[in-house]
Amino acid sequence: MSGLDDGLLDLASVAVLALGVAALWRRDVRALIGLLRAQGVALALVASVEALAGHDVALGATAALVLAVKAVAVPWVLGRVAASDPGAREGAPLINVPSSLVLAAALVGLAVVVGAPLARLSSGHAAALAPLGLATVLVGYLVLVTRRRPLSQIVGLLIIDNGVALVTFLLTSGVPLVIELGGSLDVLLVVVVSTTLVGAMRARIGAEELDELEGLRD
């Protein structure tokens, strides 16, 4: 890779992690969906840079697929559900924002330490960025377990998936198109089923009653 390619790869990889951390700061579900959309664009940019650097047409097609599914289709589905939910905002996450950000910083540090052996699995500049993907996975878990609303939890799950994809792109320069297609369709199916269930529960039980059920675990 050239210096420009390395710089773009650094920027896109850091953006994937930073957008995941930003999800801990925002409460409005629509804002979370916007962050998820931007994260999908950044992930597609990672694949695109590697495709251009390696003159890999298949990886370029994979980047286009990632952009279509993770930056367009999935956020669109979530946005439709959020638009029908007048209370699409976290009342009070299980951990407040300052504590969440401190914990996220600790998880990033842990990922750097634990991910160092991963970075040595492959030579090159891209592999050295693999701990950023691992950190994104850990931050996604943090979003998943600290949010109360189902849509916010789905966003956390998708951040985890994006982190796994980032590690894969950085360590292996992507996966075969057919595998990425299957994985993307699985993710899209999970999102459609999950959001359909959320919408059905709100329609059948009512938003206020569902919020009370969500708070029972507290």
N, C-alpha and C. Protein backbone atom coordinates (compact mmCIF):
# COMPACT_ATOMS: atom_id res chain seq x y z
N MET A 1 0.83 -1.19 0.00
CA MET A 1 0.00 0.00 0.00
C MET A 1 0.87 1.25 0.00
N SER A 2 0.38 2.31 -0.61
CA SER A 2 1.08 3.58 -0.59
C SER A 2 0.77 4.31 0.71
N GLY A 3 1.47 5.42 0.91
CA GLY A 3 1.23 6.21 2.10
C GLY A 3 -0.19 6.74 2.15
N LEU A 4 -0.75 7.11 0.99
CA LEU A 4 -2.12 7.60 0.94
C LEU A 4 -3.11 6.50 1.31
N ASP A 5 -2.87 5.30 0.79
CA ASP A 5 -3.73 4.17 1.11
C ASP A 5 -3.70 3.88 2.61
N ASP A 6 -2.49 3.88 3.18
CA ASP A 6 -2.37 3.63 4.62
C ASP A 6 -3.11 4.69 5.43
N GLY A 7 -3.00 5.94 4.99
CA GLY A 7 -3.68 7.01 5.71
C GLY A 7 -5.19 6.86 5.65
N LEU A 8 -5.72 6.53 4.47
CA LEU A 8 -7.16 6.32 4.34
C LEU A 8 -7.62 5.12 5.16
N LEU A 9 -6.80 4.08 5.17
CA LEU A 9 -7.15 2.88 5.94
C LEU A 9 -7.17 3.21 7.43
N ASP A 10 -6.18 3.98 7.89
CA ASP A 10 -6.16 4.40 9.29
C ASP A 10 -7.42 5.20 9.62
N LEU A 11 -7.74 6.17 8.78
CA LEU A 11 -8.88 7.05 9.03
C LEU A 11 -10.18 6.27 9.08
N ALA A 12 -10.38 5.36 8.12
CA ALA A 12 -11.62 4.59 8.07
C ALA A 12 -11.74 3.64 9.25
N SER A 13 -10.63 2.99 9.63
CA SER A 13 -10.66 2.05 10.74
C SER A 13 -10.94 2.75 12.06
N VAL A 14 -10.29 3.89 12.27
CA VAL A 14 -10.54 4.67 13.49
C VAL A 14 -11.98 5.16 13.51
N ALA A 15 -12.51 5.54 12.34
CA ALA A 15 -13.89 6.01 12.26
C ALA A 15 -14.88 4.92 12.68
N VAL A 16 -14.62 3.67 12.27
CA VAL A 16 -15.50 2.57 12.67
C VAL A 16 -15.57 2.47 14.20
N LEU A 17 -14.41 2.54 14.85
CA LEU A 17 -14.37 2.47 16.32
C LEU A 17 -15.00 3.71 16.94
N ALA A 18 -14.64 4.89 16.45
CA ALA A 18 -15.14 6.14 17.04
C ALA A 18 -16.66 6.23 16.96
N LEU A 19 -17.23 5.78 15.85
CA LEU A 19 -18.69 5.81 15.71
C LEU A 19 -19.36 4.83 16.65
N GLY A 20 -18.69 3.72 16.94
CA GLY A 20 -19.22 2.79 17.93
C GLY A 20 -19.22 3.41 19.32
N VAL A 21 -18.13 4.08 19.67
CA VAL A 21 -18.05 4.75 20.97
C VAL A 21 -19.09 5.87 21.06
N ALA A 22 -19.32 6.58 19.96
CA ALA A 22 -20.31 7.67 19.95
C ALA A 22 -21.71 7.16 20.26
N ALA A 23 -21.97 5.88 19.95
CA ALA A 23 -23.28 5.31 20.24
C ALA A 23 -23.55 5.25 21.74
N LEU A 24 -22.51 5.23 22.55
CA LEU A 24 -22.68 5.25 24.00
C LEU A 24 -23.13 6.62 24.50
N TRP A 25 -22.89 7.63 23.71
CA TRP A 25 -23.19 9.01 24.09
C TRP A 25 -24.60 9.42 23.71
N ARG A 26 -25.14 8.86 22.61
CA ARG A 26 -26.44 9.25 22.11
C ARG A 26 -27.54 8.37 22.68
N ARG A 27 -28.69 8.97 22.95
CA ARG A 27 -29.84 8.24 23.46
C ARG A 27 -30.94 8.07 22.42
N ASP A 28 -31.11 9.05 21.56
CA ASP A 28 -32.15 8.98 20.55
C ASP A 28 -31.84 7.85 19.57
N VAL A 29 -32.80 6.96 19.38
CA VAL A 29 -32.59 5.79 18.52
C VAL A 29 -32.30 6.23 17.08
N ARG A 30 -32.92 7.31 16.65
CA ARG A 30 -32.67 7.78 15.27
C ARG A 30 -31.22 8.23 15.12
N ALA A 31 -30.68 8.85 16.16
CA ALA A 31 -29.27 9.25 16.12
C ALA A 31 -28.37 8.01 16.08
N LEU A 32 -28.75 6.98 16.82
CA LEU A 32 -27.97 5.73 16.81
C LEU A 32 -27.98 5.10 15.42
N ILE A 33 -29.12 5.16 14.76
CA ILE A 33 -29.22 4.60 13.41
C ILE A 33 -28.33 5.39 12.46
N GLY A 34 -28.28 6.72 12.63
CA GLY A 34 -27.39 7.53 11.80
C GLY A 34 -25.93 7.17 12.01
N LEU A 35 -25.55 6.92 13.27
CA LEU A 35 -24.17 6.50 13.56
C LEU A 35 -23.89 5.14 12.93
N LEU A 36 -24.86 4.25 12.98
CA LEU A 36 -24.69 2.93 12.38
C LEU A 36 -24.52 3.03 10.88
N ARG A 37 -25.27 3.94 10.25
CA ARG A 37 -25.14 4.15 8.80
C ARG A 37 -23.74 4.66 8.46
N ALA A 38 -23.26 5.64 9.23
CA ALA A 38 -21.92 6.17 8.98
C ALA A 38 -20.86 5.10 9.21
N GLN A 39 -21.08 4.24 10.19
CA GLN A 39 -20.13 3.17 10.45
C GLN A 39 -20.08 2.19 9.28
N GLY A 40 -21.24 1.93 8.67
CA GLY A 40 -21.27 1.07 7.50
C GLY A 40 -20.49 1.67 6.34
N VAL A 41 -20.59 2.99 6.17
CA VAL A 41 -19.82 3.67 5.11
C VAL A 41 -18.33 3.54 5.38
N ALA A 42 -17.92 3.75 6.65
CA ALA A 42 -16.50 3.66 7.01
C ALA A 42 -15.98 2.24 6.78
N LEU A 43 -16.79 1.24 7.12
CA LEU A 43 -16.37 -0.15 6.91
C LEU A 43 -16.23 -0.46 5.43
N ALA A 44 -17.16 0.04 4.62
CA ALA A 44 -17.06 -0.15 3.17
C ALA A 44 -15.82 0.53 2.62
N LEU A 45 -15.45 1.67 3.22
CA LEU A 45 -14.24 2.38 2.78
C LEU A 45 -12.99 1.55 3.07
N VAL A 46 -12.97 0.87 4.22
CA VAL A 46 -11.84 -0.01 4.54
C VAL A 46 -11.67 -1.06 3.45
N ALA A 47 -12.78 -1.72 3.09
CA ALA A 47 -12.71 -2.75 2.05
C ALA A 47 -12.34 -2.15 0.70
N SER A 48 -12.83 -0.95 0.41
CA SER A 48 -12.54 -0.31 -0.88
C SER A 48 -11.06 0.03 -1.01
N VAL A 49 -10.47 0.56 0.07
CA VAL A 49 -9.05 0.91 0.03
C VAL A 49 -8.21 -0.34 -0.20
N GLU A 50 -8.53 -1.42 0.48
CA GLU A 50 -7.77 -2.65 0.29
C GLU A 50 -7.98 -3.22 -1.11
N ALA A 51 -9.20 -3.07 -1.64
CA ALA A 51 -9.47 -3.57 -2.99
C ALA A 51 -8.67 -2.78 -4.04
N LEU A 52 -8.62 -1.48 -3.88
CA LEU A 52 -7.87 -0.65 -4.83
C LEU A 52 -6.37 -0.91 -4.71
N ALA A 53 -5.88 -1.05 -3.47
CA ALA A 53 -4.45 -1.29 -3.28
C ALA A 53 -4.02 -2.63 -3.84
N GLY A 54 -4.90 -3.62 -3.71
CA GLY A 54 -4.55 -4.96 -4.19
C GLY A 54 -5.10 -5.28 -5.56
N HIS A 55 -5.75 -4.30 -6.20
CA HIS A 55 -6.36 -4.52 -7.53
C HIS A 55 -7.25 -5.76 -7.50
N ASP A 56 -8.07 -5.87 -6.44
CA ASP A 56 -8.91 -7.04 -6.22
C ASP A 56 -10.35 -6.70 -6.56
N VAL A 57 -10.83 -7.19 -7.70
CA VAL A 57 -12.18 -6.88 -8.15
C VAL A 57 -13.22 -7.50 -7.22
N ALA A 58 -12.95 -8.74 -6.77
CA ALA A 58 -13.91 -9.42 -5.89
C ALA A 58 -14.06 -8.66 -4.57
N LEU A 59 -12.95 -8.16 -4.03
CA LEU A 59 -13.02 -7.41 -2.79
C LEU A 59 -13.75 -6.08 -3.01
N GLY A 60 -13.59 -5.51 -4.21
CA GLY A 60 -14.34 -4.30 -4.54
C GLY A 60 -15.83 -4.56 -4.55
N ALA A 61 -16.23 -5.72 -5.08
CA ALA A 61 -17.65 -6.09 -5.08
C ALA A 61 -18.15 -6.31 -3.66
N THR A 62 -17.28 -6.88 -2.82
CA THR A 62 -17.63 -7.08 -1.41
C THR A 62 -17.84 -5.73 -0.72
N ALA A 63 -16.98 -4.76 -1.04
CA ALA A 63 -17.12 -3.42 -0.46
C ALA A 63 -18.46 -2.80 -0.86
N ALA A 64 -18.85 -2.99 -2.11
CA ALA A 64 -20.15 -2.47 -2.58
C ALA A 64 -21.30 -3.15 -1.85
N LEU A 65 -21.15 -4.45 -1.59
CA LEU A 65 -22.19 -5.19 -0.87
C LEU A 65 -22.30 -4.69 0.57
N VAL A 66 -21.15 -4.47 1.20
CA VAL A 66 -21.14 -3.96 2.57
C VAL A 66 -21.83 -2.60 2.63
N LEU A 67 -21.54 -1.75 1.66
CA LEU A 67 -22.16 -0.43 1.62
C LEU A 67 -23.68 -0.54 1.45
N ALA A 68 -24.10 -1.43 0.57
CA ALA A 68 -25.53 -1.57 0.30
C ALA A 68 -26.30 -2.11 1.49
N VAL A 69 -25.71 -3.09 2.18
CA VAL A 69 -26.42 -3.73 3.29
C VAL A 69 -26.26 -2.95 4.59
N LYS A 70 -25.01 -2.66 4.98
CA LYS A 70 -24.74 -2.08 6.29
C LYS A 70 -24.97 -0.57 6.36
N ALA A 71 -24.85 0.11 5.23
CA ALA A 71 -25.02 1.57 5.24
C ALA A 71 -26.35 2.02 4.67
N VAL A 72 -27.05 1.11 3.97
CA VAL A 72 -28.31 1.51 3.34
C VAL A 72 -29.47 0.65 3.83
N ALA A 73 -29.44 -0.65 3.55
CA ALA A 73 -30.60 -1.51 3.81
C ALA A 73 -30.93 -1.63 5.30
N VAL A 74 -29.93 -2.00 6.09
CA VAL A 74 -30.18 -2.20 7.52
C VAL A 74 -30.63 -0.91 8.21
N PRO A 75 -29.92 0.23 8.03
CA PRO A 75 -30.41 1.48 8.65
C PRO A 75 -31.81 1.87 8.17
N TRP A 76 -32.12 1.58 6.90
CA TRP A 76 -33.46 1.90 6.38
C TRP A 76 -34.52 1.11 7.12
N VAL A 77 -34.28 -0.19 7.33
CA VAL A 77 -35.25 -1.01 8.07
C VAL A 77 -35.42 -0.49 9.49
N LEU A 78 -34.31 -0.23 10.16
CA LEU A 78 -34.38 0.28 11.53
C LEU A 78 -35.07 1.65 11.58
N GLY A 79 -34.79 2.49 10.58
CA GLY A 79 -35.40 3.81 10.53
C GLY A 79 -36.91 3.74 10.38
N ARG A 80 -37.40 2.78 9.60
CA ARG A 80 -38.84 2.62 9.44
C ARG A 80 -39.50 2.27 10.76
N VAL A 81 -38.86 1.40 11.52
CA VAL A 81 -39.42 1.01 12.82
C VAL A 81 -39.37 2.18 13.79
N ALA A 82 -38.23 2.89 13.82
CA ALA A 82 -38.08 4.02 14.73
C ALA A 82 -39.09 5.12 14.41
N ALA A 83 -39.41 5.31 13.13
CA ALA A 83 -40.36 6.35 12.73
C ALA A 83 -41.75 6.06 13.27
N SER A 84 -42.07 4.79 13.48
CA SER A 84 -43.39 4.43 13.98
C SER A 84 -43.45 4.38 15.50
N ASP A 85 -42.32 4.66 16.16
CA ASP A 85 -42.23 4.60 17.62
C ASP A 85 -42.05 6.02 18.16
N PRO A 86 -43.09 6.61 18.74
CA PRO A 86 -42.98 7.99 19.23
C PRO A 86 -42.03 8.13 20.41
N GLY A 87 -41.69 7.05 21.05
CA GLY A 87 -40.80 7.13 22.21
C GLY A 87 -39.43 6.56 21.92
N ALA A 88 -38.92 6.79 20.72
CA ALA A 88 -37.66 6.20 20.30
C ALA A 88 -36.48 6.93 20.93
N ARG A 89 -36.40 6.85 22.23
CA ARG A 89 -35.30 7.49 22.96
C ARG A 89 -35.07 6.74 24.25
N GLU A 90 -33.81 6.51 24.58
CA GLU A 90 -33.46 5.86 25.83
C GLU A 90 -33.80 6.78 26.99
N GLY A 91 -34.57 6.28 27.96
CA GLY A 91 -34.86 7.09 29.14
C GLY A 91 -33.64 7.23 30.02
N ALA A 92 -33.07 6.10 30.39
CA ALA A 92 -31.90 6.09 31.26
C ALA A 92 -31.17 4.77 31.06
N PRO A 93 -30.04 4.77 30.35
CA PRO A 93 -29.27 3.53 30.18
C PRO A 93 -28.86 2.96 31.54
N LEU A 94 -28.55 1.68 31.57
CA LEU A 94 -28.17 1.04 32.82
C LEU A 94 -26.91 1.65 33.42
N ILE A 95 -26.05 2.18 32.56
CA ILE A 95 -24.84 2.88 33.01
C ILE A 95 -24.87 4.26 32.39
N ASN A 96 -24.64 5.31 33.19
CA ASN A 96 -24.73 6.66 32.65
C ASN A 96 -23.61 6.92 31.63
N VAL A 97 -23.78 8.00 30.87
CA VAL A 97 -22.88 8.28 29.75
C VAL A 97 -21.42 8.44 30.19
N PRO A 98 -21.10 9.26 31.21
CA PRO A 98 -19.69 9.40 31.60
C PRO A 98 -19.05 8.06 31.99
N SER A 99 -19.80 7.26 32.75
CA SER A 99 -19.25 5.95 33.16
C SER A 99 -19.08 5.04 31.96
N SER A 100 -20.02 5.11 31.01
CA SER A 100 -19.92 4.28 29.80
C SER A 100 -18.68 4.64 28.99
N LEU A 101 -18.41 5.94 28.87
CA LEU A 101 -17.25 6.38 28.09
C LEU A 101 -15.94 5.97 28.77
N VAL A 102 -15.91 6.05 30.10
CA VAL A 102 -14.71 5.61 30.84
C VAL A 102 -14.51 4.11 30.63
N LEU A 103 -15.59 3.36 30.73
CA LEU A 103 -15.51 1.91 30.53
C LEU A 103 -15.10 1.59 29.09
N ALA A 104 -15.59 2.38 28.13
CA ALA A 104 -15.21 2.17 26.73
C ALA A 104 -13.72 2.40 26.54
N ALA A 105 -13.18 3.43 27.19
CA ALA A 105 -11.74 3.69 27.10
C ALA A 105 -10.95 2.51 27.64
N ALA A 106 -11.43 1.94 28.75
CA ALA A 106 -10.75 0.77 29.32
C ALA A 106 -10.82 -0.42 28.37
N LEU A 107 -11.96 -0.60 27.71
CA LEU A 107 -12.11 -1.71 26.77
C LEU A 107 -11.21 -1.54 25.55
N VAL A 108 -11.06 -0.29 25.10
CA VAL A 108 -10.15 -0.04 23.98
C VAL A 108 -8.72 -0.39 24.37
N GLY A 109 -8.32 0.01 25.60
CA GLY A 109 -6.98 -0.35 26.08
C GLY A 109 -6.80 -1.85 26.17
N LEU A 110 -7.84 -2.54 26.66
CA LEU A 110 -7.78 -4.01 26.73
C LEU A 110 -7.64 -4.62 25.35
N ALA A 111 -8.39 -4.07 24.38
CA ALA A 111 -8.33 -4.60 23.01
C ALA A 111 -6.95 -4.42 22.41
N VAL A 112 -6.30 -3.31 22.71
CA VAL A 112 -4.95 -3.07 22.18
C VAL A 112 -3.98 -4.11 22.73
N VAL A 113 -4.11 -4.42 24.03
CA VAL A 113 -3.21 -5.40 24.66
C VAL A 113 -3.51 -6.82 24.15
N VAL A 114 -4.79 -7.18 24.19
CA VAL A 114 -5.18 -8.54 23.80
C VAL A 114 -5.03 -8.74 22.29
N GLY A 115 -5.25 -7.66 21.52
CA GLY A 115 -5.22 -7.79 20.07
C GLY A 115 -3.83 -7.74 19.47
N ALA A 116 -2.81 -7.48 20.28
CA ALA A 116 -1.44 -7.44 19.76
C ALA A 116 -1.04 -8.75 19.07
N PRO A 117 -1.35 -9.92 19.67
CA PRO A 117 -1.02 -11.18 18.96
C PRO A 117 -1.77 -11.32 17.63
N LEU A 118 -3.01 -10.79 17.57
CA LEU A 118 -3.76 -10.83 16.31
C LEU A 118 -3.03 -10.06 15.22
N ALA A 119 -2.48 -8.91 15.60
CA ALA A 119 -1.79 -8.07 14.63
C ALA A 119 -0.56 -8.76 14.06
N ARG A 120 -0.02 -9.70 14.79
CA ARG A 120 1.18 -10.41 14.31
C ARG A 120 0.84 -11.62 13.44
N LEU A 121 -0.46 -11.91 13.30
CA LEU A 121 -0.84 -13.05 12.48
C LEU A 121 -0.61 -12.80 11.00
N SER A 122 -0.56 -11.54 10.62
CA SER A 122 -0.36 -11.18 9.22
C SER A 122 0.55 -9.97 9.16
N SER A 123 1.40 -9.94 8.16
CA SER A 123 2.29 -8.81 8.01
C SER A 123 1.57 -7.68 7.29
N GLY A 124 2.11 -6.50 7.39
CA GLY A 124 1.53 -5.37 6.69
C GLY A 124 0.88 -4.37 7.63
N HIS A 125 0.61 -3.21 7.09
CA HIS A 125 0.05 -2.13 7.89
C HIS A 125 -1.37 -2.43 8.34
N ALA A 126 -2.17 -3.06 7.49
CA ALA A 126 -3.57 -3.33 7.82
C ALA A 126 -3.69 -4.19 9.06
N ALA A 127 -2.84 -5.22 9.17
CA ALA A 127 -2.94 -6.13 10.31
C ALA A 127 -2.67 -5.40 11.63
N ALA A 128 -1.84 -4.39 11.61
CA ALA A 128 -1.54 -3.65 12.83
C ALA A 128 -2.76 -2.91 13.36
N LEU A 129 -3.77 -2.71 12.52
CA LEU A 129 -4.98 -2.01 12.94
C LEU A 129 -6.05 -2.95 13.47
N ALA A 130 -5.78 -4.26 13.47
CA ALA A 130 -6.78 -5.24 13.90
C ALA A 130 -7.32 -4.99 15.31
N PRO A 131 -6.50 -4.52 16.27
CA PRO A 131 -7.06 -4.24 17.60
C PRO A 131 -8.20 -3.22 17.58
N LEU A 132 -8.26 -2.36 16.58
CA LEU A 132 -9.37 -1.42 16.48
C LEU A 132 -10.68 -2.16 16.24
N GLY A 133 -10.62 -3.22 15.43
CA GLY A 133 -11.81 -4.03 15.20
C GLY A 133 -12.24 -4.75 16.46
N LEU A 134 -11.28 -5.29 17.20
CA LEU A 134 -11.60 -5.97 18.45
C LEU A 134 -12.20 -5.00 19.45
N ALA A 135 -11.66 -3.78 19.50
CA ALA A 135 -12.21 -2.75 20.38
C ALA A 135 -13.65 -2.41 19.99
N THR A 136 -13.93 -2.38 18.70
CA THR A 136 -15.30 -2.11 18.23
C THR A 136 -16.25 -3.20 18.70
N VAL A 137 -15.80 -4.46 18.66
CA VAL A 137 -16.62 -5.56 19.15
C VAL A 137 -16.95 -5.38 20.62
N LEU A 138 -15.96 -5.05 21.43
CA LEU A 138 -16.17 -4.88 22.88
C LEU A 138 -17.10 -3.70 23.16
N VAL A 139 -16.92 -2.62 22.42
CA VAL A 139 -17.80 -1.45 22.60
C VAL A 139 -19.23 -1.81 22.20
N GLY A 140 -19.38 -2.60 21.14
CA GLY A 140 -20.71 -3.04 20.74
C GLY A 140 -21.40 -3.84 21.83
N TYR A 141 -20.64 -4.73 22.48
CA TYR A 141 -21.19 -5.48 23.61
C TYR A 141 -21.63 -4.54 24.73
N LEU A 142 -20.85 -3.49 24.96
CA LEU A 142 -21.19 -2.52 25.99
C LEU A 142 -22.50 -1.82 25.66
N VAL A 143 -22.68 -1.43 24.40
CA VAL A 143 -23.94 -0.83 23.98
C VAL A 143 -25.09 -1.81 24.17
N LEU A 144 -24.85 -3.06 23.80
CA LEU A 144 -25.89 -4.08 23.86
C LEU A 144 -26.39 -4.30 25.29
N VAL A 145 -25.48 -4.37 26.26
CA VAL A 145 -25.88 -4.74 27.62
C VAL A 145 -26.31 -3.54 28.48
N THR A 146 -26.03 -2.32 28.03
CA THR A 146 -26.37 -1.16 28.85
C THR A 146 -27.61 -0.42 28.36
N ARG A 147 -28.14 -0.78 27.21
CA ARG A 147 -29.33 -0.11 26.69
C ARG A 147 -30.58 -0.91 27.00
N ARG A 148 -31.68 -0.20 27.17
CA ARG A 148 -32.93 -0.83 27.56
C ARG A 148 -33.83 -1.13 26.36
N ARG A 149 -33.89 -0.21 25.41
CA ARG A 149 -34.83 -0.37 24.30
C ARG A 149 -34.33 -1.40 23.29
N PRO A 150 -35.25 -2.22 22.77
CA PRO A 150 -34.85 -3.26 21.81
C PRO A 150 -34.10 -2.73 20.60
N LEU A 151 -34.54 -1.59 20.03
CA LEU A 151 -33.86 -1.06 18.86
C LEU A 151 -32.43 -0.67 19.18
N SER A 152 -32.22 -0.09 20.36
CA SER A 152 -30.86 0.27 20.77
C SER A 152 -30.00 -0.97 20.93
N GLN A 153 -30.59 -2.04 21.45
CA GLN A 153 -29.85 -3.29 21.61
C GLN A 153 -29.51 -3.91 20.26
N ILE A 154 -30.43 -3.78 19.30
CA ILE A 154 -30.13 -4.26 17.95
C ILE A 154 -28.97 -3.49 17.36
N VAL A 155 -28.92 -2.17 17.59
CA VAL A 155 -27.79 -1.37 17.12
C VAL A 155 -26.49 -1.88 17.73
N GLY A 156 -26.52 -2.20 19.03
CA GLY A 156 -25.32 -2.76 19.67
C GLY A 156 -24.88 -4.05 19.01
N LEU A 157 -25.84 -4.91 18.69
CA LEU A 157 -25.52 -6.17 18.02
C LEU A 157 -24.88 -5.93 16.66
N LEU A 158 -25.38 -4.93 15.94
CA LEU A 158 -24.84 -4.63 14.62
C LEU A 158 -23.46 -3.99 14.70
N ILE A 159 -23.20 -3.23 15.77
CA ILE A 159 -21.85 -2.69 15.97
C ILE A 159 -20.86 -3.84 16.20
N ILE A 160 -21.30 -4.85 16.94
CA ILE A 160 -20.45 -6.04 17.13
C ILE A 160 -20.14 -6.69 15.79
N ASP A 161 -21.16 -6.84 14.97
CA ASP A 161 -20.97 -7.45 13.64
C ASP A 161 -20.01 -6.63 12.80
N ASN A 162 -20.12 -5.30 12.86
CA ASN A 162 -19.21 -4.44 12.10
C ASN A 162 -17.77 -4.57 12.61
N GLY A 163 -17.62 -4.74 13.92
CA GLY A 163 -16.27 -4.93 14.48
C GLY A 163 -15.64 -6.23 14.00
N VAL A 164 -16.45 -7.28 13.96
CA VAL A 164 -15.94 -8.57 13.46
C VAL A 164 -15.54 -8.44 11.99
N ALA A 165 -16.38 -7.74 11.21
CA ALA A 165 -16.07 -7.54 9.79
C ALA A 165 -14.79 -6.73 9.63
N LEU A 166 -14.58 -5.73 10.49
CA LEU A 166 -13.37 -4.91 10.39
C LEU A 166 -12.12 -5.76 10.66
N VAL A 167 -12.17 -6.60 11.68
CA VAL A 167 -11.04 -7.49 11.97
C VAL A 167 -10.76 -8.39 10.77
N THR A 168 -11.81 -8.90 10.17
CA THR A 168 -11.66 -9.80 9.02
C THR A 168 -11.01 -9.09 7.84
N PHE A 169 -11.48 -7.89 7.53
CA PHE A 169 -10.90 -7.14 6.42
C PHE A 169 -9.43 -6.81 6.66
N LEU A 170 -9.10 -6.44 7.88
CA LEU A 170 -7.74 -6.01 8.18
C LEU A 170 -6.75 -7.17 8.21
N LEU A 171 -7.21 -8.33 8.66
CA LEU A 171 -6.29 -9.46 8.79
C LEU A 171 -6.20 -10.31 7.53
N THR A 172 -7.28 -10.37 6.77
CA THR A 172 -7.31 -11.29 5.62
C THR A 172 -7.56 -10.58 4.31
N SER A 173 -7.64 -9.23 4.33
CA SER A 173 -7.99 -8.47 3.13
C SER A 173 -9.32 -8.89 2.57
N GLY A 174 -10.25 -9.14 3.50
CA GLY A 174 -11.61 -9.45 3.09
C GLY A 174 -11.89 -10.94 3.04
N VAL A 175 -13.14 -11.27 2.75
CA VAL A 175 -13.58 -12.65 2.63
C VAL A 175 -14.18 -12.83 1.23
N PRO A 176 -14.28 -14.09 0.77
CA PRO A 176 -14.91 -14.31 -0.54
C PRO A 176 -16.30 -13.69 -0.61
N LEU A 177 -16.65 -13.19 -1.78
CA LEU A 177 -17.92 -12.48 -1.95
C LEU A 177 -19.10 -13.33 -1.53
N VAL A 178 -19.10 -14.61 -1.85
CA VAL A 178 -20.24 -15.45 -1.54
C VAL A 178 -20.43 -15.58 -0.03
N ILE A 179 -19.32 -15.60 0.73
CA ILE A 179 -19.42 -15.69 2.19
C ILE A 179 -19.96 -14.38 2.76
N GLU A 180 -19.43 -13.27 2.26
CA GLU A 180 -19.93 -11.97 2.73
C GLU A 180 -21.40 -11.79 2.37
N LEU A 181 -21.80 -12.28 1.20
CA LEU A 181 -23.20 -12.19 0.80
C LEU A 181 -24.09 -12.96 1.78
N GLY A 182 -23.65 -14.19 2.09
CA GLY A 182 -24.42 -15.00 3.04
C GLY A 182 -24.50 -14.35 4.41
N GLY A 183 -23.37 -13.83 4.89
CA GLY A 183 -23.35 -13.17 6.19
C GLY A 183 -24.21 -11.92 6.21
N SER A 184 -24.15 -11.13 5.15
CA SER A 184 -24.94 -9.91 5.08
C SER A 184 -26.43 -10.21 5.04
N LEU A 185 -26.80 -11.24 4.31
CA LEU A 185 -28.22 -11.61 4.25
C LEU A 185 -28.69 -12.12 5.61
N ASP A 186 -27.82 -12.85 6.33
CA ASP A 186 -28.17 -13.31 7.67
C ASP A 186 -28.41 -12.12 8.60
N VAL A 187 -27.50 -11.13 8.53
CA VAL A 187 -27.65 -9.94 9.37
C VAL A 187 -28.94 -9.21 9.03
N LEU A 188 -29.22 -9.05 7.74
CA LEU A 188 -30.43 -8.36 7.32
C LEU A 188 -31.67 -9.11 7.78
N LEU A 189 -31.63 -10.43 7.72
CA LEU A 189 -32.76 -11.24 8.16
C LEU A 189 -32.99 -11.07 9.66
N VAL A 190 -31.92 -11.11 10.43
CA VAL A 190 -32.03 -10.93 11.89
C VAL A 190 -32.64 -9.57 12.21
N VAL A 191 -32.19 -8.54 11.51
CA VAL A 191 -32.72 -7.19 11.76
C VAL A 191 -34.20 -7.12 11.41
N VAL A 192 -34.59 -7.68 10.26
CA VAL A 192 -36.00 -7.64 9.85
C VAL A 192 -36.87 -8.38 10.85
N VAL A 193 -36.46 -9.58 11.25
CA VAL A 193 -37.25 -10.36 12.21
C VAL A 193 -37.33 -9.65 13.56
N SER A 194 -36.19 -9.14 14.03
CA SER A 194 -36.16 -8.48 15.34
C SER A 194 -37.05 -7.23 15.35
N THR A 195 -36.90 -6.40 14.32
CA THR A 195 -37.69 -5.18 14.29
C THR A 195 -39.18 -5.47 14.09
N THR A 196 -39.49 -6.53 13.35
CA THR A 196 -40.89 -6.92 13.18
C THR A 196 -41.49 -7.35 14.51
N LEU A 197 -40.72 -8.12 15.28
CA LEU A 197 -41.19 -8.54 16.61
C LEU A 197 -41.39 -7.35 17.53
N VAL A 198 -40.46 -6.40 17.49
CA VAL A 198 -40.59 -5.20 18.33
C VAL A 198 -41.84 -4.43 17.96
N GLY A 199 -42.06 -4.24 16.65
CA GLY A 199 -43.25 -3.52 16.21
C GLY A 199 -44.53 -4.25 16.59
N ALA A 200 -44.53 -5.59 16.46
CA ALA A 200 -45.72 -6.37 16.81
C ALA A 200 -46.00 -6.29 18.30
N MET A 201 -44.96 -6.35 19.13
CA MET A 201 -45.15 -6.27 20.58
C MET A 201 -45.70 -4.91 20.98
N ARG A 202 -45.19 -3.85 20.36
CA ARG A 202 -45.68 -2.50 20.69
C ARG A 202 -47.13 -2.33 20.24
N ALA A 203 -47.47 -2.91 19.11
CA ALA A 203 -48.84 -2.79 18.62
C ALA A 203 -49.81 -3.59 19.48
N ARG A 204 -49.36 -4.72 19.97
CA ARG A 204 -50.24 -5.62 20.74
C ARG A 204 -50.33 -5.23 22.20
N ILE A 205 -49.19 -4.85 22.79
CA ILE A 205 -49.14 -4.57 24.22
C ILE A 205 -49.29 -3.09 24.51
N GLY A 206 -48.69 -2.26 23.62
CA GLY A 206 -48.68 -0.83 23.86
C GLY A 206 -47.31 -0.39 24.31
N ALA A 207 -46.90 0.82 23.91
CA ALA A 207 -45.54 1.30 24.18
C ALA A 207 -45.27 1.41 25.67
N GLU A 208 -46.22 1.97 26.43
CA GLU A 208 -45.97 2.18 27.84
C GLU A 208 -45.85 0.86 28.58
N GLU A 209 -46.75 -0.10 28.26
CA GLU A 209 -46.69 -1.39 28.92
C GLU A 209 -45.40 -2.12 28.57
N LEU A 210 -44.95 -2.01 27.30
CA LEU A 210 -43.72 -2.67 26.90
C LEU A 210 -42.52 -2.06 27.62
N ASP A 211 -42.52 -0.74 27.80
CA ASP A 211 -41.45 -0.10 28.54
C ASP A 211 -41.39 -0.61 29.98
N GLU A 212 -42.57 -0.84 30.58
CA GLU A 212 -42.60 -1.38 31.93
C GLU A 212 -42.04 -2.81 31.96
N LEU A 213 -42.35 -3.60 30.93
CA LEU A 213 -41.81 -4.96 30.86
C LEU A 213 -40.29 -4.92 30.71
N GLU A 214 -39.78 -3.97 29.91
CA GLU A 214 -38.34 -3.86 29.73
C GLU A 214 -37.65 -3.51 31.03
N GLY A 215 -38.37 -2.79 31.91
CA GLY A 215 -37.76 -2.37 33.17
C GLY A 215 -37.85 -3.40 34.28
N LEU A 216 -38.53 -4.53 34.03
CA LEU A 216 -38.67 -5.55 35.06
C LEU A 216 -37.32 -6.14 35.47
N ARG A 217 -36.37 -6.22 34.55
CA ARG A 217 -35.08 -6.84 34.86
C ARG A 217 -34.28 -5.98 35.84
N ASP A 218 -34.66 -4.67 35.99
CA ASP A 218 -33.97 -3.81 36.92
C ASP A 218 -34.35 -4.12 38.36
